[in-house]
N, C-alpha and C. Protein backbone atom coordinates (compact mmCIF):
# COMPACT_ATOMS: atom_id res chain seq x y z
N MET A 1 -25.24 -8.75 31.95
CA MET A 1 -25.02 -9.63 30.84
C MET A 1 -23.53 -9.63 30.50
N LYS A 2 -22.97 -10.81 30.34
CA LYS A 2 -21.55 -10.92 30.04
C LYS A 2 -21.32 -10.97 28.53
N GLY A 3 -20.13 -10.62 28.14
CA GLY A 3 -19.76 -10.73 26.73
C GLY A 3 -19.95 -9.43 25.97
N LYS A 4 -19.51 -9.48 24.73
CA LYS A 4 -19.59 -8.32 23.85
C LYS A 4 -21.03 -8.11 23.39
N GLN A 5 -21.47 -6.88 23.37
CA GLN A 5 -22.81 -6.54 22.91
C GLN A 5 -22.89 -6.79 21.40
N PRO A 6 -23.92 -7.48 20.91
CA PRO A 6 -24.01 -7.74 19.48
C PRO A 6 -24.19 -6.44 18.69
N GLU A 7 -23.56 -6.38 17.52
CA GLU A 7 -23.67 -5.17 16.71
C GLU A 7 -25.04 -5.10 16.07
N ASP A 8 -25.46 -3.90 15.84
CA ASP A 8 -26.76 -3.70 15.22
C ASP A 8 -26.65 -3.96 13.71
N LEU A 9 -27.76 -4.26 13.08
CA LEU A 9 -27.78 -4.69 11.68
C LEU A 9 -27.18 -3.65 10.74
N ARG A 10 -27.52 -2.39 10.95
CA ARG A 10 -27.03 -1.32 10.06
C ARG A 10 -25.54 -1.06 10.22
N SER A 11 -25.05 -1.04 11.44
CA SER A 11 -23.63 -0.79 11.62
C SER A 11 -22.80 -1.97 11.11
N GLY A 12 -23.33 -3.17 11.25
CA GLY A 12 -22.65 -4.35 10.72
C GLY A 12 -22.58 -4.32 9.21
N TRP A 13 -23.66 -3.87 8.57
CA TRP A 13 -23.68 -3.75 7.11
C TRP A 13 -22.65 -2.73 6.63
N LYS A 14 -22.60 -1.60 7.29
CA LYS A 14 -21.64 -0.56 6.89
C LYS A 14 -20.21 -1.05 7.04
N ALA A 15 -19.91 -1.71 8.14
CA ALA A 15 -18.55 -2.21 8.37
C ALA A 15 -18.17 -3.24 7.31
N CYS A 16 -19.09 -4.12 6.98
CA CYS A 16 -18.82 -5.15 5.97
C CYS A 16 -18.62 -4.51 4.59
N ALA A 17 -19.45 -3.56 4.23
CA ALA A 17 -19.33 -2.89 2.93
C ALA A 17 -18.04 -2.09 2.84
N GLU A 18 -17.66 -1.41 3.91
CA GLU A 18 -16.43 -0.63 3.90
C GLU A 18 -15.20 -1.52 3.80
N LYS A 19 -15.29 -2.71 4.39
CA LYS A 19 -14.19 -3.67 4.28
C LYS A 19 -14.01 -4.13 2.83
N MET A 20 -15.10 -4.13 2.06
CA MET A 20 -15.04 -4.53 0.65
C MET A 20 -14.71 -3.36 -0.27
N GLY A 21 -14.47 -2.17 0.30
CA GLY A 21 -14.07 -1.02 -0.50
C GLY A 21 -15.20 -0.09 -0.91
N TYR A 22 -16.38 -0.25 -0.35
CA TYR A 22 -17.52 0.60 -0.68
C TYR A 22 -17.64 1.76 0.31
N HIS A 23 -18.32 2.80 -0.14
CA HIS A 23 -18.77 3.87 0.74
C HIS A 23 -20.27 3.67 0.91
N CYS A 24 -20.80 4.04 2.06
CA CYS A 24 -22.21 3.77 2.34
C CYS A 24 -22.98 5.05 2.63
N ALA A 25 -24.24 5.04 2.24
CA ALA A 25 -25.16 6.12 2.55
C ALA A 25 -26.49 5.49 2.94
N GLU A 26 -26.98 5.81 4.12
CA GLU A 26 -28.25 5.25 4.58
C GLU A 26 -29.41 5.94 3.88
N ASN A 27 -30.48 5.22 3.71
CA ASN A 27 -31.71 5.77 3.13
C ASN A 27 -32.42 6.59 4.20
N THR A 28 -32.71 7.84 3.90
CA THR A 28 -33.40 8.71 4.86
C THR A 28 -34.87 8.90 4.52
N ASP A 29 -35.31 8.35 3.39
CA ASP A 29 -36.70 8.47 2.98
C ASP A 29 -37.45 7.19 3.36
N PRO A 30 -38.33 7.23 4.36
CA PRO A 30 -39.01 6.02 4.80
C PRO A 30 -40.00 5.44 3.78
N THR A 31 -40.36 6.20 2.75
CA THR A 31 -41.29 5.69 1.75
C THR A 31 -40.60 4.77 0.74
N LEU A 32 -39.28 4.81 0.66
CA LEU A 32 -38.55 3.94 -0.26
C LEU A 32 -38.10 2.69 0.49
N PRO A 33 -38.44 1.51 -0.01
CA PRO A 33 -38.19 0.27 0.73
C PRO A 33 -36.80 -0.33 0.54
N PHE A 34 -35.77 0.44 0.89
CA PHE A 34 -34.42 -0.10 0.94
C PHE A 34 -33.68 0.57 2.07
N ASP A 35 -32.59 -0.04 2.52
CA ASP A 35 -31.89 0.46 3.71
C ASP A 35 -30.76 1.43 3.40
N GLY A 36 -30.15 1.31 2.24
CA GLY A 36 -29.07 2.22 1.93
C GLY A 36 -28.44 1.93 0.59
N LEU A 37 -27.53 2.83 0.22
CA LEU A 37 -26.77 2.67 -1.01
C LEU A 37 -25.31 2.45 -0.65
N MET A 38 -24.67 1.57 -1.38
CA MET A 38 -23.22 1.45 -1.26
C MET A 38 -22.65 1.67 -2.65
N TYR A 39 -21.52 2.37 -2.70
CA TYR A 39 -20.98 2.73 -3.99
C TYR A 39 -19.46 2.77 -3.94
N ARG A 40 -18.86 2.55 -5.10
CA ARG A 40 -17.43 2.68 -5.31
C ARG A 40 -17.24 3.24 -6.70
N GLU A 41 -16.02 3.23 -7.23
CA GLU A 41 -15.73 3.95 -8.47
C GLU A 41 -16.65 3.63 -9.65
N THR A 42 -17.05 2.40 -9.85
CA THR A 42 -17.87 2.05 -11.02
C THR A 42 -19.17 1.34 -10.69
N VAL A 43 -19.50 1.19 -9.43
CA VAL A 43 -20.67 0.39 -9.04
C VAL A 43 -21.49 1.14 -7.99
N MET A 44 -22.81 1.07 -8.17
CA MET A 44 -23.72 1.58 -7.14
C MET A 44 -24.76 0.50 -6.87
N VAL A 45 -25.01 0.23 -5.59
CA VAL A 45 -25.90 -0.87 -5.21
C VAL A 45 -26.90 -0.37 -4.17
N ALA A 46 -28.19 -0.65 -4.42
CA ALA A 46 -29.23 -0.41 -3.43
C ALA A 46 -29.35 -1.69 -2.61
N VAL A 47 -29.28 -1.55 -1.29
CA VAL A 47 -29.25 -2.72 -0.41
C VAL A 47 -30.47 -2.73 0.52
N ARG A 48 -31.06 -3.89 0.63
CA ARG A 48 -32.12 -4.12 1.62
C ARG A 48 -31.60 -5.17 2.59
N LEU A 49 -31.65 -4.86 3.88
CA LEU A 49 -31.14 -5.75 4.92
C LEU A 49 -32.28 -6.54 5.54
N LYS A 50 -31.99 -7.78 5.86
CA LYS A 50 -32.99 -8.64 6.47
C LYS A 50 -32.30 -9.48 7.54
N LYS A 51 -32.86 -9.50 8.72
CA LYS A 51 -32.34 -10.34 9.79
C LYS A 51 -33.38 -11.40 10.09
N VAL A 52 -32.95 -12.66 10.04
CA VAL A 52 -33.87 -13.77 10.29
C VAL A 52 -33.36 -14.59 11.47
N ARG A 53 -34.28 -15.24 12.13
CA ARG A 53 -33.91 -16.01 13.32
C ARG A 53 -33.22 -17.32 12.97
N TYR A 54 -33.76 -18.03 12.00
CA TYR A 54 -33.21 -19.34 11.64
C TYR A 54 -32.52 -19.27 10.29
N GLY A 55 -31.46 -20.06 10.15
CA GLY A 55 -30.70 -20.08 8.91
C GLY A 55 -31.53 -20.55 7.73
N ILE A 56 -31.18 -20.05 6.57
CA ILE A 56 -31.84 -20.50 5.36
C ILE A 56 -30.95 -21.57 4.74
N GLY A 57 -31.56 -22.61 4.24
CA GLY A 57 -30.82 -23.74 3.70
C GLY A 57 -30.13 -23.41 2.38
N ASP A 58 -29.20 -24.28 2.00
CA ASP A 58 -28.48 -24.08 0.74
C ASP A 58 -29.39 -24.24 -0.46
N ASN A 59 -30.45 -25.01 -0.33
CA ASN A 59 -31.37 -25.24 -1.45
C ASN A 59 -32.65 -24.42 -1.33
N CYS A 60 -32.63 -23.39 -0.52
CA CYS A 60 -33.79 -22.54 -0.31
C CYS A 60 -34.06 -21.71 -1.58
N ILE A 61 -35.32 -21.62 -1.95
CA ILE A 61 -35.71 -20.76 -3.08
C ILE A 61 -36.07 -19.40 -2.50
N ILE A 62 -35.18 -18.48 -2.68
CA ILE A 62 -35.29 -17.16 -2.05
C ILE A 62 -36.52 -16.40 -2.54
N GLU A 63 -36.94 -16.66 -3.79
CA GLU A 63 -38.13 -16.00 -4.35
C GLU A 63 -39.39 -16.36 -3.56
N GLN A 64 -39.43 -17.57 -3.02
CA GLN A 64 -40.60 -18.00 -2.26
C GLN A 64 -40.50 -17.61 -0.78
N LYS A 65 -39.29 -17.51 -0.27
CA LYS A 65 -39.10 -17.22 1.15
C LYS A 65 -39.30 -15.73 1.47
N PHE A 66 -38.82 -14.84 0.59
CA PHE A 66 -38.91 -13.39 0.84
C PHE A 66 -39.49 -12.65 -0.37
N PRO A 67 -40.71 -12.98 -0.81
CA PRO A 67 -41.24 -12.36 -2.02
C PRO A 67 -41.47 -10.85 -1.89
N ASP A 68 -41.88 -10.38 -0.71
CA ASP A 68 -42.16 -8.96 -0.53
C ASP A 68 -40.88 -8.12 -0.61
N ASP A 69 -39.81 -8.61 -0.01
CA ASP A 69 -38.54 -7.88 -0.05
C ASP A 69 -37.99 -7.79 -1.47
N LEU A 70 -38.10 -8.89 -2.21
CA LEU A 70 -37.60 -8.89 -3.58
C LEU A 70 -38.42 -7.99 -4.48
N GLU A 71 -39.72 -8.01 -4.31
CA GLU A 71 -40.58 -7.15 -5.13
C GLU A 71 -40.33 -5.67 -4.80
N ALA A 72 -40.09 -5.37 -3.53
CA ALA A 72 -39.79 -3.99 -3.14
C ALA A 72 -38.51 -3.50 -3.81
N LEU A 73 -37.49 -4.35 -3.86
CA LEU A 73 -36.24 -3.96 -4.52
C LEU A 73 -36.43 -3.80 -6.03
N ARG A 74 -37.20 -4.67 -6.63
CA ARG A 74 -37.41 -4.59 -8.08
C ARG A 74 -38.18 -3.35 -8.50
N THR A 75 -39.05 -2.86 -7.64
CA THR A 75 -39.89 -1.71 -8.01
C THR A 75 -39.32 -0.37 -7.52
N LEU A 76 -38.09 -0.35 -7.05
CA LEU A 76 -37.49 0.91 -6.62
C LEU A 76 -37.39 1.88 -7.80
N PRO A 77 -37.69 3.15 -7.56
CA PRO A 77 -37.59 4.14 -8.65
C PRO A 77 -36.14 4.59 -8.84
N LEU A 78 -35.28 3.67 -9.21
CA LEU A 78 -33.87 3.95 -9.44
C LEU A 78 -33.52 3.60 -10.87
N PRO A 79 -32.49 4.21 -11.43
CA PRO A 79 -32.09 3.87 -12.80
C PRO A 79 -31.69 2.39 -12.90
N PRO A 80 -31.79 1.81 -14.08
CA PRO A 80 -31.50 0.38 -14.23
C PRO A 80 -30.04 0.00 -13.97
N TYR A 81 -29.12 0.95 -14.04
CA TYR A 81 -27.71 0.62 -13.78
C TYR A 81 -27.39 0.53 -12.30
N VAL A 82 -28.32 0.89 -11.43
CA VAL A 82 -28.13 0.72 -9.99
C VAL A 82 -28.51 -0.72 -9.65
N LEU A 83 -27.53 -1.49 -9.19
CA LEU A 83 -27.78 -2.89 -8.83
C LEU A 83 -28.63 -2.95 -7.57
N ARG A 84 -29.30 -4.06 -7.39
CA ARG A 84 -30.11 -4.28 -6.19
C ARG A 84 -29.65 -5.56 -5.52
N GLU A 85 -29.46 -5.49 -4.20
CA GLU A 85 -29.03 -6.66 -3.44
C GLU A 85 -29.85 -6.81 -2.17
N LEU A 86 -30.13 -8.05 -1.84
CA LEU A 86 -30.76 -8.39 -0.57
C LEU A 86 -29.68 -9.04 0.29
N TRP A 87 -29.43 -8.48 1.47
CA TRP A 87 -28.45 -9.04 2.40
C TRP A 87 -29.22 -9.66 3.55
N ILE A 88 -28.96 -10.94 3.79
CA ILE A 88 -29.65 -11.65 4.87
C ILE A 88 -28.63 -12.08 5.91
N ARG A 89 -28.95 -11.79 7.16
CA ARG A 89 -28.10 -12.23 8.26
C ARG A 89 -28.93 -13.04 9.23
N THR A 90 -28.39 -14.18 9.63
CA THR A 90 -29.10 -15.02 10.58
C THR A 90 -28.54 -14.81 11.98
N GLN A 91 -29.32 -15.21 12.94
CA GLN A 91 -28.95 -15.02 14.34
C GLN A 91 -27.70 -15.79 14.72
N ASN A 92 -27.55 -16.98 14.21
CA ASN A 92 -26.44 -17.82 14.64
C ASN A 92 -25.15 -17.62 13.84
N GLU A 93 -25.25 -17.26 12.57
CA GLU A 93 -24.05 -17.16 11.74
C GLU A 93 -23.31 -15.85 11.89
N ARG A 94 -24.03 -14.76 12.06
CA ARG A 94 -23.41 -13.44 12.16
C ARG A 94 -22.64 -13.06 10.90
N ALA A 95 -23.00 -13.66 9.79
CA ALA A 95 -22.39 -13.32 8.50
C ALA A 95 -23.52 -13.03 7.52
N TYR A 96 -23.25 -12.16 6.56
CA TYR A 96 -24.26 -11.81 5.58
C TYR A 96 -24.20 -12.76 4.39
N ARG A 97 -25.37 -13.11 3.87
CA ARG A 97 -25.48 -13.81 2.59
C ARG A 97 -26.08 -12.80 1.64
N ARG A 98 -25.43 -12.62 0.51
CA ARG A 98 -25.82 -11.58 -0.45
C ARG A 98 -26.50 -12.21 -1.66
N PHE A 99 -27.57 -11.55 -2.13
CA PHE A 99 -28.32 -12.01 -3.28
C PHE A 99 -28.49 -10.85 -4.26
N TYR A 100 -28.10 -11.08 -5.53
CA TYR A 100 -28.40 -10.12 -6.59
C TYR A 100 -29.88 -10.25 -6.91
N VAL A 101 -30.56 -9.13 -7.00
CA VAL A 101 -31.97 -9.14 -7.37
C VAL A 101 -32.05 -8.54 -8.77
N LEU A 102 -32.30 -9.39 -9.73
CA LEU A 102 -32.40 -8.99 -11.13
C LEU A 102 -33.88 -8.93 -11.51
N PRO A 103 -34.23 -8.31 -12.64
CA PRO A 103 -35.65 -8.18 -12.98
C PRO A 103 -36.41 -9.51 -13.04
N GLY A 104 -35.79 -10.57 -13.53
CA GLY A 104 -36.52 -11.82 -13.68
C GLY A 104 -36.12 -12.93 -12.75
N THR A 105 -35.02 -12.75 -12.02
CA THR A 105 -34.53 -13.83 -11.17
C THR A 105 -33.70 -13.26 -10.02
N THR A 106 -33.28 -14.14 -9.14
CA THR A 106 -32.42 -13.77 -8.03
C THR A 106 -31.28 -14.77 -7.96
N ALA A 107 -30.06 -14.28 -7.72
CA ALA A 107 -28.90 -15.16 -7.67
C ALA A 107 -28.08 -14.86 -6.43
N GLU A 108 -27.66 -15.91 -5.74
CA GLU A 108 -26.81 -15.73 -4.56
C GLU A 108 -25.37 -15.53 -5.00
N ILE A 109 -24.72 -14.58 -4.38
CA ILE A 109 -23.31 -14.32 -4.68
C ILE A 109 -22.49 -15.32 -3.87
N GLU A 110 -21.76 -16.16 -4.55
CA GLU A 110 -20.93 -17.17 -3.88
C GLU A 110 -19.57 -16.59 -3.51
N GLU A 111 -18.92 -15.95 -4.48
CA GLU A 111 -17.59 -15.41 -4.23
C GLU A 111 -17.36 -14.24 -5.17
N ASN A 112 -16.80 -13.18 -4.66
CA ASN A 112 -16.43 -12.03 -5.47
C ASN A 112 -15.01 -11.65 -5.07
N THR A 113 -14.04 -12.02 -5.88
CA THR A 113 -12.64 -11.81 -5.51
C THR A 113 -12.24 -10.35 -5.52
N LYS A 114 -12.87 -9.53 -6.35
CA LYS A 114 -12.54 -8.10 -6.39
C LYS A 114 -12.87 -7.44 -5.05
N GLU A 115 -13.99 -7.83 -4.48
CA GLU A 115 -14.42 -7.25 -3.20
C GLU A 115 -13.86 -7.99 -2.00
N GLY A 116 -13.35 -9.18 -2.20
CA GLY A 116 -12.89 -9.98 -1.08
C GLY A 116 -14.04 -10.63 -0.32
N TYR A 117 -15.16 -10.82 -1.00
CA TYR A 117 -16.34 -11.44 -0.37
C TYR A 117 -16.38 -12.92 -0.70
N ARG A 118 -16.64 -13.72 0.30
CA ARG A 118 -16.81 -15.16 0.10
C ARG A 118 -17.96 -15.61 1.00
N ASN A 119 -18.95 -16.21 0.38
CA ASN A 119 -20.12 -16.71 1.08
C ASN A 119 -19.71 -17.88 1.98
N THR A 120 -20.22 -17.91 3.18
CA THR A 120 -19.87 -19.00 4.09
C THR A 120 -20.43 -20.34 3.63
N HIS A 121 -21.42 -20.32 2.75
CA HIS A 121 -22.04 -21.54 2.23
C HIS A 121 -21.48 -21.93 0.87
N PHE A 122 -20.42 -21.28 0.43
CA PHE A 122 -19.84 -21.55 -0.88
C PHE A 122 -19.23 -22.95 -0.89
N ARG A 123 -19.64 -23.76 -1.85
CA ARG A 123 -19.14 -25.12 -1.97
C ARG A 123 -18.17 -25.17 -3.15
N GLU A 124 -16.92 -24.88 -2.88
CA GLU A 124 -15.92 -24.77 -3.95
C GLU A 124 -15.75 -26.07 -4.73
N ALA A 125 -15.70 -27.20 -4.05
CA ALA A 125 -15.51 -28.48 -4.74
C ALA A 125 -16.66 -28.75 -5.71
N TYR A 126 -17.88 -28.40 -5.32
CA TYR A 126 -19.04 -28.60 -6.19
C TYR A 126 -18.92 -27.75 -7.45
N TRP A 127 -18.56 -26.48 -7.28
CA TRP A 127 -18.52 -25.57 -8.43
C TRP A 127 -17.33 -25.84 -9.34
N LYS A 128 -16.27 -26.41 -8.82
CA LYS A 128 -15.13 -26.75 -9.68
C LYS A 128 -15.48 -27.87 -10.66
N LYS A 129 -16.43 -28.73 -10.29
CA LYS A 129 -16.84 -29.83 -11.16
C LYS A 129 -18.08 -29.50 -11.99
N ALA A 130 -18.63 -28.31 -11.86
CA ALA A 130 -19.85 -27.97 -12.57
C ALA A 130 -19.62 -27.95 -14.08
N PRO A 131 -20.51 -28.56 -14.86
CA PRO A 131 -20.29 -28.65 -16.31
C PRO A 131 -20.50 -27.32 -17.03
N PHE A 132 -21.14 -26.35 -16.41
CA PHE A 132 -21.44 -25.10 -17.08
C PHE A 132 -20.51 -23.96 -16.67
N ARG A 133 -19.43 -24.28 -16.04
CA ARG A 133 -18.50 -23.26 -15.56
C ARG A 133 -17.72 -22.67 -16.73
N ILE A 134 -17.60 -21.34 -16.77
CA ILE A 134 -16.81 -20.67 -17.79
C ILE A 134 -15.87 -19.68 -17.12
N VAL A 135 -14.82 -19.36 -17.81
CA VAL A 135 -13.88 -18.35 -17.34
C VAL A 135 -13.92 -17.21 -18.33
N ILE A 136 -14.16 -16.01 -17.85
CA ILE A 136 -14.23 -14.84 -18.70
C ILE A 136 -12.95 -14.05 -18.53
N PRO A 137 -12.11 -13.97 -19.56
CA PRO A 137 -10.86 -13.20 -19.43
C PRO A 137 -11.17 -11.70 -19.43
N LEU A 138 -10.62 -11.00 -18.47
CA LEU A 138 -10.86 -9.57 -18.36
C LEU A 138 -9.68 -8.76 -18.86
N ARG A 139 -8.62 -9.42 -19.24
CA ARG A 139 -7.44 -8.73 -19.78
C ARG A 139 -7.27 -9.13 -21.23
N LYS A 140 -6.67 -8.26 -22.01
CA LYS A 140 -6.40 -8.59 -23.40
C LYS A 140 -5.31 -9.62 -23.50
N GLU A 141 -5.56 -10.61 -24.34
CA GLU A 141 -4.54 -11.62 -24.57
C GLU A 141 -3.55 -11.09 -25.60
N GLU A 142 -2.40 -11.69 -25.66
CA GLU A 142 -1.41 -11.30 -26.64
C GLU A 142 -1.94 -11.60 -28.03
N GLY A 143 -1.64 -10.76 -28.98
CA GLY A 143 -2.10 -10.95 -30.34
C GLY A 143 -3.33 -10.12 -30.67
N GLY A 144 -3.79 -9.28 -29.74
CA GLY A 144 -4.89 -8.38 -30.00
C GLY A 144 -6.28 -8.91 -29.70
N LYS A 145 -6.41 -10.18 -29.35
CA LYS A 145 -7.72 -10.72 -29.01
C LYS A 145 -8.03 -10.44 -27.55
N SER A 146 -9.29 -10.23 -27.26
CA SER A 146 -9.66 -9.98 -25.87
C SER A 146 -10.29 -11.18 -25.24
């Protein structure tokens, strides 16, 4: 077989997380339904990896497509401050799409500038015109207001 051997799902996840500044620890307990933890100075995330053959569309409802994976992440016996994420990689894209799994909903991460993550399906022009867009200042403004 010619060409570079494709990387395995777990090693690809670790390399991607380390590029974003995280440290990784694989799950060694097979009874817990997640693949590993990634952590940095103020954040800890439980990650479940999923590899699918065909790409998922931009308008896909992830709650209906992967209900078992999402329920498994929601019921993990972890403290509530540990975030939960579902990472999906398709055969053709070779890039991960990340989803926050919250108690009542799931949200796809489009862009995270702190981590240097940008979703390949991010439609910047669409989000720049969105009527509900807000900017949250993270630094104190002059005059004592935050």
